[in-house]
């Protein structure tokens, strides 16, 4: 469904991502690497982000323990293990 801008009938810009979530655990070097990418991309684009500790949430542990770090965009899984800066940037701007 296209959203039309009331001004001149142009298409309104697509909604941007509202929240990026990094699911990680302490002492995880891949998680540290992922955080650097998430901080950079979200900072550049002005997209808020949060981190959640898999060791503190049994549901997250059950869902993602073999995949951490995991990045969610608006609650949907975007990637796991290694975060690609260009791919994340594209996901947050398309």
C-alpha atoms as a PDB file:
ATOM      1  CA  UNK A   1       0.000   0.000   0.000  1.00  0.00           C
ATOM      2  CA  UNK A   2       1.435   3.367  -1.021  1.00  0.00           C
ATOM      3  CA  UNK A   3       1.055   6.237   1.392  1.00  0.00           C
ATOM      4  CA  UNK A   4       0.323   9.481  -0.401  1.00  0.00           C
ATOM      5  CA  UNK A   5       1.457  12.828   0.855  1.00  0.00           C
ATOM      6  CA  UNK A   6      -1.431  15.299   1.050  1.00  0.00           C
ATOM      7  CA  UNK A   7       0.772  17.882  -0.655  1.00  0.00           C
ATOM      8  CA  UNK A   8       0.608  17.545  -4.450  1.00  0.00           C
ATOM      9  CA  UNK A   9      -0.317  13.851  -4.266  1.00  0.00           C
ATOM     10  CA  UNK A  10       3.311  12.712  -3.983  1.00  0.00           C
ATOM     11  CA  UNK A  11       4.230   9.485  -2.274  1.00  0.00           C
ATOM     12  CA  UNK A  12       5.262   9.982   1.325  1.00  0.00           C
ATOM     13  CA  UNK A  13       8.664   8.571   2.288  1.00  0.00           C
ATOM     14  CA  UNK A  14       8.591   4.995   3.527  1.00  0.00           C
ATOM     15  CA  UNK A  15       8.664   4.701   7.308  1.00  0.00           C
ATOM     16  CA  UNK A  16      12.149   4.150   8.670  1.00  0.00           C
ATOM     17  CA  UNK A  17      13.143   1.570  11.201  1.00  0.00           C
ATOM     18  CA  UNK A  18      12.070   2.493  14.702  1.00  0.00           C
ATOM     19  CA  UNK A  19      14.437   0.349  16.769  1.00  0.00           C
ATOM     20  CA  UNK A  20      17.462  -1.902  16.355  1.00  0.00           C
ATOM     21  CA  UNK A  21      18.058  -4.529  19.034  1.00  0.00           C
ATOM     22  CA  UNK A  22      21.389  -6.254  19.570  1.00  0.00           C
ATOM     23  CA  UNK A  23      21.029  -9.534  21.439  1.00  0.00           C
ATOM     24  CA  UNK A  24      24.367 -10.442  23.006  1.00  0.00           C
ATOM     25  CA  UNK A  25      26.118 -11.976  25.992  1.00  0.00           C
ATOM     26  CA  UNK A  26      29.051 -10.861  28.137  1.00  0.00           C
ATOM     27  CA  UNK A  27      32.521 -11.896  26.985  1.00  0.00           C
ATOM     28  CA  UNK A  28      31.480 -12.499  23.373  1.00  0.00           C
ATOM     29  CA  UNK A  29      33.990 -11.000  20.911  1.00  0.00           C
ATOM     30  CA  UNK A  30      31.556 -11.311  17.991  1.00  0.00           C
ATOM     31  CA  UNK A  31      29.028  -9.395  20.090  1.00  0.00           C
ATOM     32  CA  UNK A  32      31.584  -6.641  20.681  1.00  0.00           C
ATOM     33  CA  UNK A  33      32.265  -6.464  16.927  1.00  0.00           C
ATOM     34  CA  UNK A  34      28.530  -6.342  16.185  1.00  0.00           C
ATOM     35  CA  UNK A  35      28.014  -3.550  18.699  1.00  0.00           C
ATOM     36  CA  UNK A  36      30.632  -1.389  16.963  1.00  0.00           C
ATOM     37  CA  UNK A  37      28.752  -1.731  13.655  1.00  0.00           C
ATOM     38  CA  UNK A  38      25.305  -1.167  15.214  1.00  0.00           C
ATOM     39  CA  UNK A  39      26.511   1.922  17.106  1.00  0.00           C
ATOM     40  CA  UNK A  40      28.084   3.388  13.964  1.00  0.00           C
ATOM     41  CA  UNK A  41      25.184   2.761  11.588  1.00  0.00           C
ATOM     42  CA  UNK A  42      22.454   3.734  14.052  1.00  0.00           C
ATOM     43  CA  UNK A  43      24.422   6.820  15.086  1.00  0.00           C
ATOM     44  CA  UNK A  44      24.890   7.886  11.464  1.00  0.00           C
ATOM     45  CA  UNK A  45      21.199   7.405  10.671  1.00  0.00           C
ATOM     46  CA  UNK A  46      19.690   8.578  13.945  1.00  0.00           C
ATOM     47  CA  UNK A  47      18.006   5.220  14.581  1.00  0.00           C
ATOM     48  CA  UNK A  48      17.679   4.250  18.252  1.00  0.00           C
ATOM     49  CA  UNK A  49      19.147   0.960  19.369  1.00  0.00           C
ATOM     50  CA  UNK A  50      19.235  -1.185  22.473  1.00  0.00           C
ATOM     51  CA  UNK A  51      21.067  -4.246  23.650  1.00  0.00           C
ATOM     52  CA  UNK A  52      19.672  -7.230  25.490  1.00  0.00           C
ATOM     53  CA  UNK A  53      21.685  -9.812  27.404  1.00  0.00           C
ATOM     54  CA  UNK A  54      20.775 -13.360  26.410  1.00  0.00           C
ATOM     55  CA  UNK A  55      21.923 -14.629  29.833  1.00  0.00           C
ATOM     56  CA  UNK A  56      19.272 -12.496  31.554  1.00  0.00           C
ATOM     57  CA  UNK A  57      16.236 -13.556  29.499  1.00  0.00           C
ATOM     58  CA  UNK A  58      15.260 -17.244  29.228  1.00  0.00           C
ATOM     59  CA  UNK A  59      13.063 -16.603  26.175  1.00  0.00           C
ATOM     60  CA  UNK A  60      15.885 -14.909  24.264  1.00  0.00           C
ATOM     61  CA  UNK A  61      18.258 -17.681  25.329  1.00  0.00           C
ATOM     62  CA  UNK A  62      15.900 -20.343  23.994  1.00  0.00           C
ATOM     63  CA  UNK A  63      15.364 -18.527  20.683  1.00  0.00           C
ATOM     64  CA  UNK A  64      18.873 -17.334  19.888  1.00  0.00           C
ATOM     65  CA  UNK A  65      21.533 -19.126  21.979  1.00  0.00           C
ATOM     66  CA  UNK A  66      23.174 -20.715  18.899  1.00  0.00           C
ATOM     67  CA  UNK A  67      23.111 -17.514  16.833  1.00  0.00           C
ATOM     68  CA  UNK A  68      24.406 -14.654  18.997  1.00  0.00           C
ATOM     69  CA  UNK A  69      25.020 -11.931  18.341  1.00  0.00           C
ATOM     70  CA  UNK A  70      21.621 -11.393  16.753  1.00  0.00           C
ATOM     71  CA  UNK A  71      20.385  -8.104  15.338  1.00  0.00           C
ATOM     72  CA  UNK A  72      16.673  -7.364  15.183  1.00  0.00           C
ATOM     73  CA  UNK A  73      15.173  -4.494  13.217  1.00  0.00           C
ATOM     74  CA  UNK A  74      11.775  -3.525  14.596  1.00  0.00           C
ATOM     75  CA  UNK A  75      11.543  -6.919  16.299  1.00  0.00           C
ATOM     76  CA  UNK A  76      12.305  -8.960  13.164  1.00  0.00           C
ATOM     77  CA  UNK A  77      15.570 -10.869  12.857  1.00  0.00           C
ATOM     78  CA  UNK A  78      17.926  -9.070  10.482  1.00  0.00           C
ATOM     79  CA  UNK A  79      21.141 -11.050  10.912  1.00  0.00           C
ATOM     80  CA  UNK A  80      23.261 -13.103  13.284  1.00  0.00           C
ATOM     81  CA  UNK A  81      26.939 -13.858  14.004  1.00  0.00           C
ATOM     82  CA  UNK A  82      28.481 -11.138  11.825  1.00  0.00           C
ATOM     83  CA  UNK A  83      26.882  -7.774  11.108  1.00  0.00           C
ATOM     84  CA  UNK A  84      27.538  -6.290   7.680  1.00  0.00           C
ATOM     85  CA  UNK A  85      27.558  -2.486   7.838  1.00  0.00           C
ATOM     86  CA  UNK A  86      26.229  -1.891   4.309  1.00  0.00           C
ATOM     87  CA  UNK A  87      23.459  -4.470   4.680  1.00  0.00           C
ATOM     88  CA  UNK A  88      22.313  -3.010   8.005  1.00  0.00           C
ATOM     89  CA  UNK A  89      22.427   0.534   6.615  1.00  0.00           C
ATOM     90  CA  UNK A  90      20.316  -0.563   3.625  1.00  0.00           C
ATOM     91  CA  UNK A  91      17.790  -2.308   5.880  1.00  0.00           C
ATOM     92  CA  UNK A  92      17.391   0.869   7.928  1.00  0.00           C
ATOM     93  CA  UNK A  93      16.972   3.223   4.978  1.00  0.00           C
ATOM     94  CA  UNK A  94      14.907   1.222   2.457  1.00  0.00           C
END
